N, C-alpha and C. Protein backbone atom coordinates (compact mmCIF):
# COMPACT_ATOMS: atom_id res chain seq x y z
N MET A 1 0.80 -1.13 -0.07
CA MET A 1 0.00 -0.04 0.05
C MET A 1 0.90 1.19 -0.02
N GLU A 2 2.02 1.23 0.73
CA GLU A 2 2.94 2.34 0.75
C GLU A 2 3.53 2.64 -0.56
N PHE A 3 3.81 1.54 -1.28
CA PHE A 3 4.39 1.69 -2.72
C PHE A 3 3.44 2.50 -3.59
N ILE A 4 2.06 2.19 -3.55
CA ILE A 4 1.20 2.85 -4.31
C ILE A 4 1.12 4.32 -4.07
N GLY A 5 1.18 4.70 -2.71
CA GLY A 5 1.19 6.02 -2.32
C GLY A 5 2.41 6.78 -2.91
N LEU A 6 3.61 6.11 -2.78
CA LEU A 6 4.88 6.78 -3.28
C LEU A 6 4.68 6.88 -4.79
N LEU A 7 4.20 5.91 -5.48
CA LEU A 7 4.05 5.95 -6.97
C LEU A 7 3.14 7.18 -7.33
N TYR A 8 1.97 7.33 -6.62
CA TYR A 8 1.09 8.46 -6.92
C TYR A 8 1.79 9.77 -6.70
N LEU A 9 2.52 9.85 -5.57
CA LEU A 9 3.25 11.08 -5.16
C LEU A 9 4.27 11.48 -6.29
N ALA A 10 4.95 10.48 -6.81
CA ALA A 10 5.98 10.71 -7.90
C ALA A 10 5.18 11.16 -9.20
N ILE A 11 4.14 10.52 -9.49
CA ILE A 11 3.35 10.86 -10.68
C ILE A 11 2.78 12.30 -10.62
N ILE A 12 2.32 12.72 -9.48
CA ILE A 12 1.78 13.95 -9.25
C ILE A 12 2.91 15.06 -9.35
N PHE A 13 4.04 14.70 -8.75
CA PHE A 13 5.19 15.67 -8.86
C PHE A 13 5.68 15.88 -10.17
N LEU A 14 5.86 14.80 -10.92
CA LEU A 14 6.40 14.88 -12.30
C LEU A 14 5.40 15.51 -13.26
N SER A 15 4.08 15.35 -13.01
CA SER A 15 3.12 15.94 -13.90
C SER A 15 3.10 17.51 -13.60
N CYS A 16 3.10 17.83 -12.34
CA CYS A 16 3.09 19.19 -12.03
C CYS A 16 4.35 20.02 -12.59
N PHE A 17 5.46 19.35 -12.36
CA PHE A 17 6.72 19.85 -12.99
C PHE A 17 6.67 20.03 -14.49
N ALA A 18 6.10 19.00 -15.15
CA ALA A 18 5.95 19.18 -16.68
C ALA A 18 4.96 20.31 -17.06
N ILE A 19 3.96 20.41 -16.32
CA ILE A 19 2.99 21.45 -16.72
C ILE A 19 3.58 22.78 -16.45
N ILE A 20 4.26 23.05 -15.40
CA ILE A 20 4.83 24.36 -15.12
C ILE A 20 5.94 24.65 -16.10
N ALA A 21 6.77 23.69 -16.47
CA ALA A 21 7.83 23.85 -17.47
C ALA A 21 7.22 24.18 -18.82
N PHE A 22 6.15 23.49 -19.22
CA PHE A 22 5.43 23.71 -20.45
C PHE A 22 4.96 25.25 -20.51
N PHE A 23 4.26 25.64 -19.47
CA PHE A 23 3.71 27.00 -19.46
C PHE A 23 4.82 28.10 -19.43
N LYS A 24 5.87 27.80 -18.80
CA LYS A 24 7.00 28.75 -18.76
C LYS A 24 7.57 28.89 -20.13
N LEU A 25 7.83 27.71 -20.82
CA LEU A 25 8.48 27.82 -22.18
C LEU A 25 7.46 28.36 -23.14
N ALA A 26 6.13 28.15 -23.01
CA ALA A 26 5.21 28.77 -23.90
C ALA A 26 5.16 30.30 -23.70
N TYR A 27 5.29 30.76 -22.47
CA TYR A 27 5.28 32.22 -22.20
C TYR A 27 6.61 32.83 -22.73
N LEU A 28 7.65 32.20 -22.64
CA LEU A 28 8.94 32.72 -23.25
C LEU A 28 8.81 32.75 -24.79
N GLY A 29 8.18 31.80 -25.32
CA GLY A 29 8.01 31.78 -26.79
C GLY A 29 7.15 32.87 -27.23
N LEU A 30 6.00 33.15 -26.54
CA LEU A 30 5.10 34.15 -26.92
C LEU A 30 5.80 35.58 -26.81
N THR A 31 6.54 35.73 -25.76
CA THR A 31 7.23 37.09 -25.61
C THR A 31 8.23 37.26 -26.73
N ASN A 32 8.92 36.21 -27.11
CA ASN A 32 9.88 36.37 -28.22
C ASN A 32 9.31 36.67 -29.58
N LEU A 33 8.08 36.07 -29.76
CA LEU A 33 7.35 36.30 -31.00
C LEU A 33 6.81 37.77 -31.06
N ARG A 34 6.51 38.30 -29.96
CA ARG A 34 5.91 39.69 -29.89
C ARG A 34 6.96 40.71 -30.18
N LYS A 35 8.18 40.39 -29.83
CA LYS A 35 9.31 41.35 -30.03
C LYS A 35 9.48 41.66 -31.52
N GLN A 36 9.63 42.95 -31.90
CA GLN A 36 9.87 43.20 -33.30
C GLN A 36 11.38 43.04 -33.57
N PRO A 37 11.69 42.62 -34.71
CA PRO A 37 13.17 42.40 -35.02
C PRO A 37 13.74 43.88 -35.10
N PRO A 38 14.96 44.04 -34.63
CA PRO A 38 15.59 45.37 -34.65
C PRO A 38 15.81 45.85 -35.99
N GLU A 39 15.53 47.16 -36.21
CA GLU A 39 15.62 47.79 -37.52
C GLU A 39 17.11 48.08 -37.81
N LYS A 40 17.52 47.83 -39.10
CA LYS A 40 18.79 48.08 -39.47
C LYS A 40 18.92 49.58 -39.76
N HIS A 41 19.84 50.29 -38.99
CA HIS A 41 20.17 51.67 -39.30
C HIS A 41 21.31 51.78 -40.24
N GLU A 42 21.19 52.51 -41.24
CA GLU A 42 22.35 52.81 -42.03
C GLU A 42 23.17 53.90 -41.39
N GLU A 43 24.45 53.54 -41.28
CA GLU A 43 25.34 54.46 -40.65
C GLU A 43 25.73 55.64 -41.51
N LYS A 44 25.40 56.77 -41.12
CA LYS A 44 25.63 57.99 -41.93
C LYS A 44 27.14 58.42 -41.54
N LYS A 45 27.86 58.82 -42.56
CA LYS A 45 29.24 59.31 -42.27
C LYS A 45 29.10 60.67 -41.71
N SER A 46 29.77 60.77 -40.54
CA SER A 46 29.73 62.21 -39.93
C SER A 46 30.86 63.01 -40.52
N GLU A 47 30.53 64.25 -40.68
CA GLU A 47 31.52 65.18 -41.26
C GLU A 47 32.53 65.61 -40.11
N LYS A 48 32.10 65.59 -38.94
CA LYS A 48 33.01 65.99 -37.85
C LYS A 48 33.93 64.82 -37.48
N PRO A 49 35.27 65.04 -37.20
CA PRO A 49 36.04 63.98 -36.73
C PRO A 49 35.61 63.57 -35.29
N PRO A 50 35.81 62.41 -34.97
CA PRO A 50 35.41 61.99 -33.61
C PRO A 50 36.11 62.76 -32.52
N GLU A 51 35.44 63.03 -31.48
CA GLU A 51 35.87 63.78 -30.34
C GLU A 51 36.95 62.96 -29.62
N PRO A 52 38.01 63.56 -29.11
CA PRO A 52 38.96 62.86 -28.37
C PRO A 52 38.52 62.24 -27.10
N VAL A 53 38.99 61.19 -26.62
CA VAL A 53 38.71 60.61 -25.39
C VAL A 53 39.68 61.00 -24.35
N TYR A 54 39.27 61.50 -23.19
CA TYR A 54 40.09 61.95 -22.09
C TYR A 54 40.00 60.91 -20.98
N TYR A 55 41.16 60.60 -20.36
CA TYR A 55 41.14 59.65 -19.32
C TYR A 55 41.59 60.44 -17.94
N ILE A 56 41.03 60.11 -16.86
CA ILE A 56 41.35 60.66 -15.68
C ILE A 56 42.44 59.76 -15.10
N VAL A 57 43.60 60.39 -14.81
CA VAL A 57 44.74 59.64 -14.20
C VAL A 57 45.00 60.21 -12.85
N GLU A 58 45.09 59.35 -11.83
CA GLU A 58 45.42 59.88 -10.51
C GLU A 58 46.93 59.76 -10.31
N LYS A 59 47.41 60.77 -9.56
CA LYS A 59 48.84 60.80 -9.35
C LYS A 59 49.22 59.75 -8.31
N LYS A 60 50.32 59.16 -8.46
CA LYS A 60 50.77 58.18 -7.47
C LYS A 60 51.28 58.95 -6.24
N ARG A 61 50.78 58.62 -5.05
CA ARG A 61 51.25 59.26 -3.82
C ARG A 61 52.51 58.62 -3.38
N ALA A 62 53.42 59.46 -2.87
CA ALA A 62 54.77 59.01 -2.46
C ALA A 62 54.49 58.22 -1.13
N ARG A 63 55.27 57.27 -0.87
CA ARG A 63 55.16 56.43 0.37
C ARG A 63 55.64 57.25 1.59
N LYS A 64 54.98 57.13 2.61
CA LYS A 64 55.36 57.75 3.84
C LYS A 64 56.67 57.07 4.35
N THR A 65 57.58 57.94 4.78
CA THR A 65 58.78 57.39 5.43
C THR A 65 58.57 57.44 6.95
N TYR A 66 58.80 56.41 7.59
CA TYR A 66 58.66 56.29 9.05
C TYR A 66 60.08 56.35 9.72
N SER A 67 60.06 57.04 10.90
CA SER A 67 61.28 57.04 11.56
C SER A 67 61.46 55.67 12.29
N LYS A 68 62.65 55.51 12.93
CA LYS A 68 62.91 54.29 13.64
C LYS A 68 62.02 54.19 14.85
N PRO A 69 61.58 52.99 15.28
CA PRO A 69 60.78 52.98 16.46
C PRO A 69 61.53 53.43 17.72
N LYS A 70 60.81 54.03 18.54
CA LYS A 70 61.38 54.51 19.91
C LYS A 70 61.57 53.30 20.83
N GLU A 71 62.66 53.36 21.55
CA GLU A 71 62.90 52.34 22.52
C GLU A 71 62.18 52.76 23.92
N ILE A 72 61.51 51.83 24.49
CA ILE A 72 60.84 52.08 25.74
C ILE A 72 61.65 51.42 26.79
N ILE A 73 61.95 52.23 27.84
CA ILE A 73 62.84 51.77 29.00
C ILE A 73 61.97 51.81 30.18
N PHE A 74 61.85 50.67 30.90
CA PHE A 74 61.00 50.64 32.11
C PHE A 74 62.02 50.81 33.27
N LYS A 75 61.60 51.50 34.34
CA LYS A 75 62.46 51.68 35.47
C LYS A 75 62.14 50.58 36.51
N ASP A 76 63.08 49.97 36.93
CA ASP A 76 62.91 48.98 38.00
C ASP A 76 62.92 49.59 39.32
N LYS A 77 62.03 49.21 40.24
CA LYS A 77 61.98 49.81 41.58
C LYS A 77 62.65 48.88 42.52
């Protein structure tokens, strides 16, 4: 009896999975059909030369120089 229950559970799961996958694929197909193909634009030759591209360059900062560490002397009482 348990085997039949597991069999029904597997059948229900697989059928639900197939139905959901079918509807998702159908929705994707419909959205792709509704999209219009991109129009081809003829590139017009511009009379102006292209504008130059400027880059922002940061200056490298000099490394800080550190002095030698100070020696700490403890007084014994």
